[in-house]
C-alpha atoms as a PDB file:
ATOM      1  CA  MET A   1      -0.401   0.293   0.020  1.00  0.00           C
ATOM      2  CA  ARG A   2       1.340   3.466  -1.115  1.00  0.00           C
ATOM      3  CA  PHE A   3       0.171   6.645   0.985  1.00  0.00           C
ATOM      4  CA  VAL A   4      -0.842   9.248  -1.656  1.00  0.00           C
ATOM      5  CA  ASP A   5       0.437  13.298  -1.102  1.00  0.00           C
ATOM      6  CA  THR A   6      -1.872  15.823  -1.854  1.00  0.00           C
ATOM      7  CA  ASN A   7       0.227  17.577  -5.138  1.00  0.00           C
ATOM      8  CA  VAL A   8      -1.014  14.016  -7.222  1.00  0.00           C
ATOM      9  CA  PHE A   9      -4.565  15.441  -6.320  1.00  0.00           C
ATOM     10  CA  ILE A  10      -3.222  19.658  -7.038  1.00  0.00           C
ATOM     11  CA  TYR A  11      -1.573  18.487 -10.476  1.00  0.00           C
ATOM     12  CA  VAL A  12      -4.717  16.730 -11.722  1.00  0.00           C
ATOM     13  CA  PHE A  13      -6.437  19.646 -10.664  1.00  0.00           C
ATOM     14  CA  ILE A  14      -4.659  22.437 -12.434  1.00  0.00           C
ATOM     15  CA  LYS A  15      -3.321  19.734 -15.472  1.00  0.00           C
ATOM     16  CA  SER A  16      -0.052  21.187 -15.324  1.00  0.00           C
ATOM     17  CA  PRO A  17       3.104  20.552 -15.694  1.00  0.00           C
ATOM     18  CA  LYS A  18       1.922  18.085 -18.249  1.00  0.00           C
ATOM     19  CA  LYS A  19       4.179  15.438 -16.784  1.00  0.00           C
ATOM     20  CA  ASP A  20       3.388  15.515 -13.396  1.00  0.00           C
ATOM     21  CA  TYR A  21      -0.462  16.000 -14.306  1.00  0.00           C
ATOM     22  CA  GLU A  22       0.273  12.759 -16.526  1.00  0.00           C
ATOM     23  CA  ILE A  23       2.011  10.989 -13.810  1.00  0.00           C
ATOM     24  CA  SER A  24      -1.192  11.853 -10.934  1.00  0.00           C
ATOM     25  CA  LYS A  25      -3.497  10.866 -13.532  1.00  0.00           C
ATOM     26  CA  ARG A  26      -1.955   7.385 -13.762  1.00  0.00           C
ATOM     27  CA  ILE A  27      -1.682   6.827 -10.282  1.00  0.00           C
ATOM     28  CA  LEU A  28      -5.124   7.479  -9.405  1.00  0.00           C
ATOM     29  CA  GLU A  29      -6.392   5.703 -12.445  1.00  0.00           C
ATOM     30  CA  ARG A  30      -4.483   2.875 -10.492  1.00  0.00           C
ATOM     31  CA  ILE A  31      -6.578   3.673  -7.852  1.00  0.00           C
ATOM     32  CA  GLU A  32      -9.500   3.670  -9.109  1.00  0.00           C
ATOM     33  CA  ARG A  33      -9.367  -0.076 -10.798  1.00  0.00           C
ATOM     34  CA  GLY A  34      -8.195  -1.368  -7.561  1.00  0.00           C
ATOM     35  CA  GLU A  35      -4.495  -0.813  -6.246  1.00  0.00           C
ATOM     36  CA  GLU A  36      -4.524  -0.282  -2.527  1.00  0.00           C
ATOM     37  CA  ALA A  37      -3.609   3.572  -1.199  1.00  0.00           C
ATOM     38  CA  ALA A  38      -4.031   5.487   1.707  1.00  0.00           C
ATOM     39  CA  THR A  39      -4.275   9.225   2.355  1.00  0.00           C
ATOM     40  CA  SER A  40      -5.184  11.384   4.991  1.00  0.00           C
ATOM     41  CA  LEU A  41      -7.980  13.468   5.852  1.00  0.00           C
ATOM     42  CA  ALA A  42      -5.442  16.255   6.614  1.00  0.00           C
ATOM     43  CA  VAL A  43      -4.134  15.768   2.927  1.00  0.00           C
ATOM     44  CA  ILE A  44      -7.667  15.806   2.078  1.00  0.00           C
ATOM     45  CA  TYR A  45      -8.261  18.920   3.316  1.00  0.00           C
ATOM     46  CA  GLU A  46      -5.138  20.585   2.206  1.00  0.00           C
ATOM     47  CA  ALA A  47      -6.514  20.001  -1.552  1.00  0.00           C
ATOM     48  CA  VAL A  48      -9.510  21.354  -1.067  1.00  0.00           C
ATOM     49  CA  ASP A  49      -8.021  24.376   0.841  1.00  0.00           C
ATOM     50  CA  TRP A  50      -6.029  24.823  -2.176  1.00  0.00           C
ATOM     51  CA  LEU A  51      -9.088  24.868  -4.073  1.00  0.00           C
ATOM     52  CA  GLU A  52     -10.553  27.548  -1.839  1.00  0.00           C
ATOM     53  CA  TYR A  53      -7.532  29.547  -1.931  1.00  0.00           C
ATOM     54  CA  ASN A  54      -7.387  29.679  -6.109  1.00  0.00           C
ATOM     55  CA  ASN A  55     -10.929  30.660  -5.964  1.00  0.00           C
ATOM     56  CA  ARG A  56     -12.163  26.966  -7.455  1.00  0.00           C
ATOM     57  CA  GLU A  57     -14.197  26.154  -4.413  1.00  0.00           C
ATOM     58  CA  LYS A  58     -16.777  24.861  -6.736  1.00  0.00           C
ATOM     59  CA  GLU A  59     -14.563  21.872  -7.342  1.00  0.00           C
ATOM     60  CA  ALA A  60     -14.649  20.715  -3.941  1.00  0.00           C
ATOM     61  CA  ARG A  61     -17.686  18.844  -4.227  1.00  0.00           C
ATOM     62  CA  SER A  62     -16.384  16.859  -7.445  1.00  0.00           C
ATOM     63  CA  PHE A  63     -13.101  16.514  -5.608  1.00  0.00           C
ATOM     64  CA  LEU A  64     -14.592  14.764  -2.701  1.00  0.00           C
ATOM     65  CA  THR A  65     -17.268  13.000  -4.559  1.00  0.00           C
ATOM     66  CA  ALA A  66     -14.204  11.608  -6.591  1.00  0.00           C
ATOM     67  CA  ILE A  67     -12.183  10.478  -3.460  1.00  0.00           C
ATOM     68  CA  ASN A  68     -15.428   9.205  -1.772  1.00  0.00           C
ATOM     69  CA  SER A  69     -15.626   6.711  -5.177  1.00  0.00           C
ATOM     70  CA  TYR A  70     -11.968   5.404  -4.409  1.00  0.00           C
ATOM     71  CA  LEU A  71     -13.195   2.386  -2.528  1.00  0.00           C
ATOM     72  CA  SER A  72      -9.596   1.147  -2.698  1.00  0.00           C
ATOM     73  CA  LEU A  73      -8.150   4.446  -0.713  1.00  0.00           C
ATOM     74  CA  SER A  74      -8.335   4.684   2.704  1.00  0.00           C
ATOM     75  CA  LYS A  75      -9.171   7.590   4.596  1.00  0.00           C
ATOM     76  CA  LEU A  76      -6.703   8.060   7.211  1.00  0.00           C
ATOM     77  CA  ILE A  77      -8.155   9.863  10.208  1.00  0.00           C
ATOM     78  CA  VAL A  78      -5.640  12.635  11.753  1.00  0.00           C
ATOM     79  CA  ALA A  79      -5.834  12.410  15.342  1.00  0.00           C
ATOM     80  CA  TRP A  80      -4.612  14.933  17.965  1.00  0.00           C
ATOM     81  CA  ASP A  81      -2.474  12.308  19.143  1.00  0.00           C
ATOM     82  CA  ASN A  82      -0.561  12.462  15.611  1.00  0.00           C
ATOM     83  CA  PHE A  83      -0.050  16.661  16.204  1.00  0.00           C
ATOM     84  CA  LEU A  84       2.513  16.833  18.892  1.00  0.00           C
ATOM     85  CA  PRO A  85       4.627  13.863  17.544  1.00  0.00           C
ATOM     86  CA  SER A  86       4.544  15.782  14.201  1.00  0.00           C
ATOM     87  CA  LEU A  87       6.112  18.775  15.570  1.00  0.00           C
ATOM     88  CA  LYS A  88       9.024  16.950  16.252  1.00  0.00           C
ATOM     89  CA  ASP A  89       9.509  15.853  13.144  1.00  0.00           C
ATOM     90  CA  MET A  90       8.656  18.898  11.041  1.00  0.00           C
ATOM     91  CA  TYR A  91      11.723  20.464  13.087  1.00  0.00           C
ATOM     92  CA  ASP A  92      13.842  17.632  12.835  1.00  0.00           C
ATOM     93  CA  LYS A  93      13.422  16.698   9.572  1.00  0.00           C
ATOM     94  CA  GLN A  94      13.240  20.267   7.966  1.00  0.00           C
ATOM     95  CA  ILE A  95       9.319  19.478   6.601  1.00  0.00           C
ATOM     96  CA  ASP A  96       6.223  21.373   6.787  1.00  0.00           C
ATOM     97  CA  PHE A  97       3.344  20.406   9.197  1.00  0.00           C
ATOM     98  CA  VAL A  98       1.098  18.032   6.625  1.00  0.00           C
ATOM     99  CA  ASP A  99       4.348  16.107   5.739  1.00  0.00           C
ATOM    100  CA  ALA A 100       4.674  15.339   9.000  1.00  0.00           C
ATOM    101  CA  LEU A 101       1.576  14.585  10.418  1.00  0.00           C
ATOM    102  CA  THR A 102       1.828  11.982   6.913  1.00  0.00           C
ATOM    103  CA  LEU A 103       5.055  10.866   8.103  1.00  0.00           C
ATOM    104  CA  GLN A 104       2.962   9.845  11.129  1.00  0.00           C
ATOM    105  CA  MET A 105       0.160   8.476   9.241  1.00  0.00           C
ATOM    106  CA  MET A 106       2.365   6.423   7.415  1.00  0.00           C
ATOM    107  CA  LYS A 107       3.989   5.204  10.562  1.00  0.00           C
ATOM    108  CA  GLU A 108       1.020   4.316  12.353  1.00  0.00           C
ATOM    109  CA  ASN A 109      -0.064   2.211   9.171  1.00  0.00           C
ATOM    110  CA  GLY A 110       3.050   0.462   8.519  1.00  0.00           C
ATOM    111  CA  ILE A 111       3.583   2.445   5.279  1.00  0.00           C
ATOM    112  CA  SER A 112       6.293   3.334   3.807  1.00  0.00           C
ATOM    113  CA  GLU A 113       5.917   4.209   0.160  1.00  0.00           C
ATOM    114  CA  ILE A 114       4.173   7.471  -0.783  1.00  0.00           C
ATOM    115  CA  TYR A 115       3.071   8.696  -4.392  1.00  0.00           C
ATOM    116  CA  SER A 116       4.328  12.506  -3.968  1.00  0.00           C
ATOM    117  CA  ASN A 117       6.263  14.736  -6.244  1.00  0.00           C
ATOM    118  CA  ASP A 118       7.657  16.417  -2.716  1.00  0.00           C
ATOM    119  CA  LYS A 119      11.733  15.641  -3.028  1.00  0.00           C
ATOM    120  CA  ASP A 120      11.466  16.541   1.291  1.00  0.00           C
ATOM    121  CA  PHE A 121      10.407  13.096   1.555  1.00  0.00           C
ATOM    122  CA  ASP A 122      14.184  11.716  -0.304  1.00  0.00           C
ATOM    123  CA  ARG A 123      15.139  12.794   3.215  1.00  0.00           C
ATOM    124  CA  ILE A 124      13.356  10.625   5.332  1.00  0.00           C
ATOM    125  CA  GLY A 125      15.377   7.535   5.349  1.00  0.00           C
ATOM    126  CA  TRP A 126      12.628   4.614   5.855  1.00  0.00           C
ATOM    127  CA  VAL A 127      10.226   6.391   2.740  1.00  0.00           C
ATOM    128  CA  LYS A 128      10.759   5.291  -0.257  1.00  0.00           C
ATOM    129  CA  ARG A 129       9.262   8.427  -3.000  1.00  0.00           C
ATOM    130  CA  ILE A 130       7.058   6.966  -6.049  1.00  0.00           C
ATOM    131  CA  TRP A 131       6.467   9.242  -8.670  1.00  0.00           C
ATOM    132  CA  GLU A 132       5.878   7.274 -11.783  1.00  0.00           C
END
């Protein structure tokens, strides 16, 4: 099982850059066909927040409907207990807070691979970043 990062969704929203859009689209097509993957509610929130920030809030409904339709995509619930350990990773590993939450969710769920174009994950020894 692989974790799906926010940028996969955003590249599909903006359909650009072409190569990243095509990779993201293929990732989501594999999940739509049944590949088991996971994301977190924090990632989903970050994607919706991006839509709102970019005056595309009307697309939130179709995005959430699509996410809901991916039956093989686990939507992991972020709990308060994930926040403080995430702060440590944020500072120790010099990553943003949602990425630190992502690491916590991956650890808790035994996931070591992530679909992401974010090279910050390359600095995390136990994480394998996949972008294909």
